[in-house]
Amino acid sequence: MKTGLLPFLLMMLPLQAFAGADVASPIAQCTTSLKGSKIEAGALLVDPIMFVAAVDGTKIERAKKKWDVGLCVQPGERQIDIGFLQAQYIGNAAATYEFLEGHSYEVAFRGTWRTGFVFWLRDLTTGEDVTTETPMPRENVSMFRFRP
């Protein structure tokens, strides 16, 4: 008699649904977060984004795609690697920031890939800019090409 995979999957469903239900998620415990930002460039241009590439040397997986996702950051002084992407241009810079417990932050920026960018930290909890502008010099922005 043939047995299919469906009964096995149906049997496993309740176990997977309740597995870890009583275990607190690290994200649920997160009280301080950081995310990137985007500038609306208009209909004919590609919107530039600033994203968090690493925190204290730990790289963020798929950081460019998760630029608008709040990342959990431990309160205190942290080294942040910032990335920039617009069409075929990419750039990077680093800065050290102080993060307060219970606050959400955004990496705000202005500029163009031609002139370079400046970025700073905006506290989304208070709505205030909490750091001075940090330059991302033009020499840190380069064109990349896809290779077949």
N, C-alpha and C. Protein backbone atom coordinates (compact mmCIF):
# COMPACT_ATOMS: atom_id res chain seq x y z
N MET A 1 0.84 -1.18 0.00
CA MET A 1 0.00 0.00 0.00
C MET A 1 0.89 1.25 0.00
N LYS A 2 0.54 2.19 -0.84
CA LYS A 2 1.31 3.43 -0.92
C LYS A 2 0.93 4.36 0.22
N THR A 3 1.94 4.93 0.81
CA THR A 3 1.67 5.97 1.80
C THR A 3 2.22 7.26 1.26
N GLY A 4 1.47 8.27 1.38
CA GLY A 4 1.88 9.56 0.84
C GLY A 4 2.56 10.43 1.89
N LEU A 5 3.05 11.51 1.44
CA LEU A 5 3.71 12.47 2.30
C LEU A 5 2.70 13.32 3.07
N LEU A 6 1.49 13.44 2.54
CA LEU A 6 0.48 14.29 3.14
C LEU A 6 0.15 13.90 4.59
N PRO A 7 -0.09 12.61 4.92
CA PRO A 7 -0.38 12.29 6.32
C PRO A 7 0.76 12.68 7.27
N PHE A 8 2.00 12.50 6.80
CA PHE A 8 3.15 12.87 7.62
C PHE A 8 3.17 14.37 7.88
N LEU A 9 2.93 15.15 6.82
CA LEU A 9 2.93 16.60 6.96
C LEU A 9 1.81 17.06 7.88
N LEU A 10 0.63 16.44 7.74
CA LEU A 10 -0.49 16.81 8.61
C LEU A 10 -0.19 16.48 10.06
N MET A 11 0.51 15.36 10.28
CA MET A 11 0.88 14.98 11.63
C MET A 11 1.89 15.97 12.23
N MET A 12 2.80 16.48 11.41
CA MET A 12 3.85 17.38 11.89
C MET A 12 3.35 18.81 12.09
N LEU A 13 2.29 19.20 11.42
CA LEU A 13 1.80 20.57 11.49
C LEU A 13 1.56 21.05 12.92
N PRO A 14 0.83 20.31 13.76
CA PRO A 14 0.62 20.80 15.12
C PRO A 14 1.92 20.93 15.91
N LEU A 15 2.87 20.03 15.67
CA LEU A 15 4.14 20.11 16.39
C LEU A 15 4.91 21.37 16.00
N GLN A 16 4.93 21.68 14.72
CA GLN A 16 5.64 22.87 14.27
C GLN A 16 4.92 24.14 14.70
N ALA A 17 3.61 24.09 14.73
CA ALA A 17 2.85 25.27 15.10
C ALA A 17 3.10 25.66 16.55
N PHE A 18 3.34 24.66 17.41
CA PHE A 18 3.53 24.95 18.83
C PHE A 18 4.99 24.91 19.26
N ALA A 19 5.88 24.49 18.39
CA ALA A 19 7.29 24.42 18.75
C ALA A 19 7.81 25.82 19.04
N GLY A 20 8.35 26.02 20.19
CA GLY A 20 8.93 27.30 20.55
C GLY A 20 7.92 28.35 20.92
N ALA A 21 6.66 27.99 21.09
CA ALA A 21 5.64 28.98 21.40
C ALA A 21 5.87 29.63 22.75
N ASP A 22 6.50 28.90 23.68
CA ASP A 22 6.73 29.46 25.00
C ASP A 22 8.12 30.09 25.15
N VAL A 23 8.89 30.06 24.08
CA VAL A 23 10.23 30.63 24.10
C VAL A 23 10.17 32.05 23.57
N ALA A 24 10.69 32.98 24.34
CA ALA A 24 10.67 34.39 23.91
C ALA A 24 11.64 34.60 22.76
N SER A 25 11.21 35.32 21.76
CA SER A 25 12.04 35.64 20.61
C SER A 25 12.96 36.80 20.96
N PRO A 26 14.21 36.77 20.47
CA PRO A 26 15.11 37.90 20.72
C PRO A 26 14.54 39.20 20.16
N ILE A 27 13.81 39.13 19.05
CA ILE A 27 13.24 40.34 18.47
C ILE A 27 12.15 40.89 19.37
N ALA A 28 11.38 39.99 20.00
CA ALA A 28 10.33 40.44 20.92
C ALA A 28 10.93 41.15 22.13
N GLN A 29 12.16 40.80 22.50
CA GLN A 29 12.83 41.41 23.64
C GLN A 29 13.56 42.70 23.27
N CYS A 30 13.66 42.98 22.01
CA CYS A 30 14.41 44.14 21.53
C CYS A 30 13.69 45.44 21.92
N THR A 31 14.43 46.35 22.54
CA THR A 31 13.84 47.63 22.90
C THR A 31 14.45 48.79 22.12
N THR A 32 15.55 48.55 21.43
CA THR A 32 16.24 49.59 20.67
C THR A 32 16.44 49.08 19.25
N SER A 33 16.06 49.90 18.25
CA SER A 33 16.18 49.44 16.87
C SER A 33 16.80 50.52 15.98
N LEU A 34 17.30 50.07 14.84
CA LEU A 34 17.95 50.94 13.86
C LEU A 34 17.57 50.46 12.47
N LYS A 35 17.26 51.41 11.57
CA LYS A 35 16.95 51.07 10.19
C LYS A 35 17.55 52.11 9.26
N GLY A 36 17.57 51.77 7.98
CA GLY A 36 18.06 52.68 6.96
C GLY A 36 16.96 53.62 6.49
N SER A 37 17.21 54.32 5.39
CA SER A 37 16.21 55.24 4.85
C SER A 37 16.37 55.36 3.34
N LYS A 38 15.40 56.02 2.73
CA LYS A 38 15.37 56.18 1.28
C LYS A 38 14.96 57.60 0.94
N ILE A 39 15.50 58.13 -0.16
CA ILE A 39 15.09 59.43 -0.68
C ILE A 39 14.31 59.17 -1.96
N GLU A 40 13.11 59.72 -2.05
CA GLU A 40 12.31 59.58 -3.27
C GLU A 40 12.96 60.41 -4.37
N ALA A 41 13.41 59.74 -5.43
CA ALA A 41 14.15 60.42 -6.49
C ALA A 41 13.26 60.87 -7.63
N GLY A 42 12.06 60.39 -7.71
CA GLY A 42 11.19 60.75 -8.82
C GLY A 42 10.95 59.57 -9.75
N ALA A 43 10.02 59.73 -10.66
CA ALA A 43 9.57 58.63 -11.51
C ALA A 43 10.66 58.09 -12.43
N LEU A 44 11.55 58.93 -12.91
CA LEU A 44 12.54 58.48 -13.88
C LEU A 44 13.87 58.06 -13.27
N LEU A 45 14.03 58.24 -11.99
CA LEU A 45 15.29 57.92 -11.33
C LEU A 45 15.11 56.79 -10.33
N VAL A 46 16.21 56.13 -9.99
CA VAL A 46 16.20 55.07 -8.98
C VAL A 46 16.42 55.72 -7.61
N ASP A 47 15.56 55.38 -6.66
CA ASP A 47 15.66 55.96 -5.32
C ASP A 47 16.94 55.50 -4.61
N PRO A 48 17.73 56.44 -4.10
CA PRO A 48 18.90 56.04 -3.31
C PRO A 48 18.48 55.56 -1.93
N ILE A 49 19.19 54.56 -1.41
CA ILE A 49 18.92 54.06 -0.06
C ILE A 49 20.21 54.05 0.75
N MET A 50 20.07 54.27 2.04
CA MET A 50 21.14 54.07 3.01
C MET A 50 20.69 52.88 3.84
N PHE A 51 21.59 51.94 4.07
CA PHE A 51 21.23 50.76 4.84
C PHE A 51 22.31 50.45 5.87
N VAL A 52 21.94 49.72 6.89
CA VAL A 52 22.87 49.30 7.94
C VAL A 52 23.53 48.02 7.46
N ALA A 53 24.84 48.07 7.19
CA ALA A 53 25.57 46.92 6.66
C ALA A 53 26.13 46.04 7.77
N ALA A 54 26.48 46.62 8.91
CA ALA A 54 27.04 45.85 10.02
C ALA A 54 26.90 46.64 11.31
N VAL A 55 26.82 45.91 12.41
CA VAL A 55 26.79 46.50 13.75
C VAL A 55 27.90 45.84 14.56
N ASP A 56 28.83 46.64 15.06
CA ASP A 56 29.97 46.13 15.83
C ASP A 56 30.71 45.02 15.08
N GLY A 57 30.84 45.19 13.77
CA GLY A 57 31.58 44.22 12.96
C GLY A 57 30.79 43.01 12.51
N THR A 58 29.57 42.84 12.99
CA THR A 58 28.73 41.72 12.58
C THR A 58 27.91 42.15 11.37
N LYS A 59 28.16 41.51 10.22
CA LYS A 59 27.47 41.88 8.99
C LYS A 59 26.00 41.49 9.06
N ILE A 60 25.17 42.34 8.46
CA ILE A 60 23.74 42.09 8.38
C ILE A 60 23.47 41.34 7.08
N GLU A 61 22.89 40.17 7.19
CA GLU A 61 22.58 39.37 6.02
C GLU A 61 21.53 40.06 5.15
N ARG A 62 21.79 40.14 3.85
CA ARG A 62 20.90 40.78 2.88
C ARG A 62 20.52 42.20 3.31
N ALA A 63 21.48 42.94 3.76
CA ALA A 63 21.24 44.28 4.31
C ALA A 63 20.59 45.23 3.32
N LYS A 64 20.99 45.17 2.05
CA LYS A 64 20.44 46.09 1.06
C LYS A 64 18.94 45.87 0.86
N LYS A 65 18.51 44.64 0.93
CA LYS A 65 17.09 44.34 0.75
C LYS A 65 16.28 44.65 2.00
N LYS A 66 16.94 44.69 3.17
CA LYS A 66 16.23 44.92 4.44
C LYS A 66 16.50 46.33 4.98
N TRP A 67 16.71 47.29 4.09
CA TRP A 67 17.07 48.63 4.53
C TRP A 67 16.02 49.26 5.43
N ASP A 68 14.75 48.92 5.24
CA ASP A 68 13.67 49.56 6.01
C ASP A 68 13.18 48.71 7.18
N VAL A 69 13.89 47.62 7.48
CA VAL A 69 13.52 46.75 8.60
C VAL A 69 14.30 47.20 9.84
N GLY A 70 13.60 47.40 10.93
CA GLY A 70 14.26 47.79 12.17
C GLY A 70 15.10 46.65 12.73
N LEU A 71 16.41 46.87 12.84
CA LEU A 71 17.32 45.87 13.38
C LEU A 71 17.48 46.08 14.88
N CYS A 72 17.52 44.99 15.61
CA CYS A 72 17.70 45.07 17.05
C CYS A 72 19.14 45.49 17.35
N VAL A 73 19.31 46.53 18.14
CA VAL A 73 20.63 47.04 18.52
C VAL A 73 20.66 47.12 20.04
N GLN A 74 21.73 46.62 20.63
CA GLN A 74 21.88 46.74 22.08
C GLN A 74 22.16 48.20 22.43
N PRO A 75 21.56 48.70 23.51
CA PRO A 75 21.84 50.07 23.94
C PRO A 75 23.32 50.25 24.25
N GLY A 76 23.80 51.47 24.11
CA GLY A 76 25.20 51.77 24.37
C GLY A 76 25.89 52.23 23.11
N GLU A 77 27.20 52.37 23.18
CA GLU A 77 27.99 52.83 22.05
C GLU A 77 28.22 51.68 21.08
N ARG A 78 27.90 51.89 19.80
CA ARG A 78 28.01 50.86 18.77
C ARG A 78 28.69 51.42 17.53
N GLN A 79 29.51 50.57 16.90
CA GLN A 79 30.14 50.88 15.62
C GLN A 79 29.18 50.42 14.52
N ILE A 80 28.76 51.34 13.66
CA ILE A 80 27.79 51.04 12.61
C ILE A 80 28.46 51.24 11.25
N ASP A 81 28.37 50.22 10.40
CA ASP A 81 28.82 50.34 9.02
C ASP A 81 27.59 50.65 8.17
N ILE A 82 27.68 51.73 7.42
CA ILE A 82 26.56 52.22 6.62
C ILE A 82 26.86 51.95 5.16
N GLY A 83 25.86 51.48 4.43
CA GLY A 83 26.01 51.27 3.00
C GLY A 83 25.06 52.19 2.24
N PHE A 84 25.41 52.47 1.00
CA PHE A 84 24.60 53.30 0.11
C PHE A 84 24.42 52.55 -1.20
N LEU A 85 23.25 52.65 -1.79
CA LEU A 85 22.99 52.02 -3.08
C LEU A 85 22.03 52.88 -3.89
N GLN A 86 22.41 53.14 -5.14
CA GLN A 86 21.53 53.80 -6.10
C GLN A 86 21.92 53.33 -7.49
N ALA A 87 21.01 52.59 -8.13
CA ALA A 87 21.26 52.02 -9.45
C ALA A 87 22.57 51.23 -9.40
N GLN A 88 23.55 51.60 -10.21
CA GLN A 88 24.80 50.85 -10.23
C GLN A 88 25.87 51.44 -9.31
N TYR A 89 25.51 52.39 -8.46
CA TYR A 89 26.47 53.01 -7.55
C TYR A 89 26.30 52.46 -6.14
N ILE A 90 27.41 52.19 -5.50
CA ILE A 90 27.40 51.66 -4.14
C ILE A 90 28.48 52.38 -3.35
N GLY A 91 28.26 52.58 -2.07
CA GLY A 91 29.23 53.27 -1.22
C GLY A 91 29.16 52.76 0.20
N ASN A 92 30.13 53.17 0.99
CA ASN A 92 30.15 52.76 2.39
C ASN A 92 30.87 53.77 3.27
N ALA A 93 30.56 53.71 4.54
CA ALA A 93 31.21 54.55 5.55
C ALA A 93 30.92 53.91 6.91
N ALA A 94 31.57 54.41 7.93
CA ALA A 94 31.36 53.88 9.28
C ALA A 94 31.31 55.03 10.28
N ALA A 95 30.60 54.80 11.36
CA ALA A 95 30.49 55.80 12.42
C ALA A 95 30.16 55.09 13.73
N THR A 96 30.47 55.75 14.82
CA THR A 96 30.14 55.22 16.14
C THR A 96 29.05 56.08 16.74
N TYR A 97 28.00 55.42 17.22
CA TYR A 97 26.85 56.13 17.77
C TYR A 97 26.50 55.56 19.14
N GLU A 98 25.85 56.40 19.94
CA GLU A 98 25.33 56.00 21.25
C GLU A 98 23.82 55.76 21.10
N PHE A 99 23.38 54.55 21.46
CA PHE A 99 21.97 54.18 21.37
C PHE A 99 21.36 54.11 22.76
N LEU A 100 20.18 54.71 22.91
CA LEU A 100 19.48 54.74 24.19
C LEU A 100 18.44 53.63 24.25
N GLU A 101 18.28 53.05 25.42
CA GLU A 101 17.29 52.00 25.66
C GLU A 101 15.88 52.51 25.31
N GLY A 102 15.13 51.70 24.56
CA GLY A 102 13.75 52.03 24.25
C GLY A 102 13.53 53.00 23.10
N HIS A 103 14.59 53.34 22.37
CA HIS A 103 14.45 54.28 21.25
C HIS A 103 14.61 53.56 19.92
N SER A 104 13.99 54.12 18.88
CA SER A 104 14.13 53.63 17.52
C SER A 104 14.86 54.70 16.72
N TYR A 105 15.79 54.26 15.88
CA TYR A 105 16.64 55.19 15.13
C TYR A 105 16.58 54.90 13.63
N GLU A 106 16.90 55.93 12.85
CA GLU A 106 16.97 55.82 11.40
C GLU A 106 18.24 56.52 10.93
N VAL A 107 18.91 55.92 9.95
CA VAL A 107 20.06 56.58 9.32
C VAL A 107 19.49 57.50 8.24
N ALA A 108 19.49 58.78 8.49
CA ALA A 108 18.99 59.77 7.53
C ALA A 108 20.18 60.24 6.68
N PHE A 109 19.89 60.75 5.47
CA PHE A 109 20.98 61.20 4.61
C PHE A 109 20.48 62.19 3.57
N ARG A 110 21.45 62.85 2.95
CA ARG A 110 21.17 63.73 1.81
C ARG A 110 22.42 63.77 0.94
N GLY A 111 22.25 64.17 -0.31
CA GLY A 111 23.37 64.26 -1.24
C GLY A 111 23.09 63.48 -2.50
N THR A 112 24.12 63.36 -3.34
CA THR A 112 24.02 62.58 -4.57
C THR A 112 25.28 61.74 -4.72
N TRP A 113 25.22 60.75 -5.59
CA TRP A 113 26.41 59.93 -5.80
C TRP A 113 27.53 60.73 -6.44
N ARG A 114 27.18 61.82 -7.12
CA ARG A 114 28.21 62.66 -7.74
C ARG A 114 28.97 63.51 -6.73
N THR A 115 28.25 64.03 -5.75
CA THR A 115 28.87 64.95 -4.79
C THR A 115 29.27 64.26 -3.49
N GLY A 116 28.76 63.07 -3.28
CA GLY A 116 28.97 62.38 -2.01
C GLY A 116 27.77 62.62 -1.10
N PHE A 117 27.72 61.90 -0.03
CA PHE A 117 26.59 61.97 0.88
C PHE A 117 27.03 62.38 2.27
N VAL A 118 26.10 62.89 3.01
CA VAL A 118 26.27 63.05 4.46
C VAL A 118 25.12 62.26 5.09
N PHE A 119 25.41 61.63 6.21
CA PHE A 119 24.37 60.90 6.91
C PHE A 119 24.45 61.20 8.39
N TRP A 120 23.36 60.98 9.09
CA TRP A 120 23.28 61.24 10.51
C TRP A 120 22.23 60.31 11.10
N LEU A 121 22.17 60.30 12.40
CA LEU A 121 21.21 59.45 13.10
C LEU A 121 20.02 60.28 13.56
N ARG A 122 18.83 59.79 13.23
CA ARG A 122 17.59 60.45 13.64
C ARG A 122 16.89 59.53 14.64
N ASP A 123 16.52 60.09 15.79
CA ASP A 123 15.78 59.35 16.80
C ASP A 123 14.30 59.41 16.42
N LEU A 124 13.73 58.29 16.00
CA LEU A 124 12.33 58.27 15.57
C LEU A 124 11.38 58.37 16.76
N THR A 125 11.88 58.07 17.96
CA THR A 125 11.05 58.16 19.16
C THR A 125 10.77 59.62 19.49
N THR A 126 11.79 60.47 19.37
CA THR A 126 11.64 61.89 19.69
C THR A 126 11.46 62.76 18.45
N GLY A 127 11.83 62.24 17.28
CA GLY A 127 11.74 63.00 16.04
C GLY A 127 12.92 63.94 15.83
N GLU A 128 13.95 63.84 16.67
CA GLU A 128 15.09 64.75 16.59
C GLU A 128 16.30 64.08 15.96
N ASP A 129 17.12 64.89 15.28
CA ASP A 129 18.42 64.42 14.80
C ASP A 129 19.35 64.42 16.00
N VAL A 130 20.00 63.29 16.27
CA VAL A 130 20.77 63.16 17.51
C VAL A 130 22.28 63.14 17.29
N THR A 131 22.72 63.19 16.03
CA THR A 131 24.16 63.25 15.77
C THR A 131 24.43 64.33 14.73
N THR A 132 25.68 64.67 14.60
CA THR A 132 26.07 65.60 13.54
C THR A 132 26.19 64.82 12.24
N GLU A 133 26.27 65.53 11.14
CA GLU A 133 26.39 64.90 9.84
C GLU A 133 27.76 64.28 9.66
N THR A 134 27.79 63.05 9.16
CA THR A 134 29.03 62.34 8.87
C THR A 134 29.15 62.20 7.36
N PRO A 135 30.28 62.62 6.77
CA PRO A 135 30.39 62.54 5.31
C PRO A 135 30.68 61.13 4.82
N MET A 136 30.08 60.80 3.68
CA MET A 136 30.48 59.62 2.91
C MET A 136 31.15 60.20 1.68
N PRO A 137 32.46 60.33 1.71
CA PRO A 137 33.17 61.02 0.62
C PRO A 137 32.92 60.38 -0.74
N ARG A 138 33.03 61.19 -1.77
CA ARG A 138 32.81 60.74 -3.15
C ARG A 138 33.70 59.54 -3.48
N GLU A 139 34.91 59.49 -2.95
CA GLU A 139 35.81 58.37 -3.25
C GLU A 139 35.33 57.04 -2.64
N ASN A 140 34.37 57.10 -1.70
CA ASN A 140 33.78 55.88 -1.14
C ASN A 140 32.60 55.37 -1.95
N VAL A 141 32.23 56.10 -2.99
CA VAL A 141 31.11 55.70 -3.85
C VAL A 141 31.68 55.29 -5.19
N SER A 142 31.32 54.09 -5.64
CA SER A 142 31.86 53.60 -6.91
C SER A 142 30.78 52.89 -7.71
N MET A 143 31.07 52.67 -8.97
CA MET A 143 30.15 51.96 -9.84
C MET A 143 30.51 50.49 -9.78
N PHE A 144 29.50 49.65 -9.72
CA PHE A 144 29.77 48.22 -9.78
C PHE A 144 29.12 47.65 -11.02
N ARG A 145 29.63 46.54 -11.46
CA ARG A 145 29.10 45.90 -12.66
C ARG A 145 28.85 44.44 -12.36
N PHE A 146 27.76 43.96 -12.93
CA PHE A 146 27.47 42.53 -12.81
C PHE A 146 28.32 41.78 -13.82
N ARG A 147 28.91 40.70 -13.38
CA ARG A 147 29.74 39.91 -14.29
C ARG A 147 29.05 38.57 -14.53
N PRO A 148 28.91 38.21 -15.82
CA PRO A 148 28.22 36.95 -16.12
C PRO A 148 29.03 35.74 -15.72
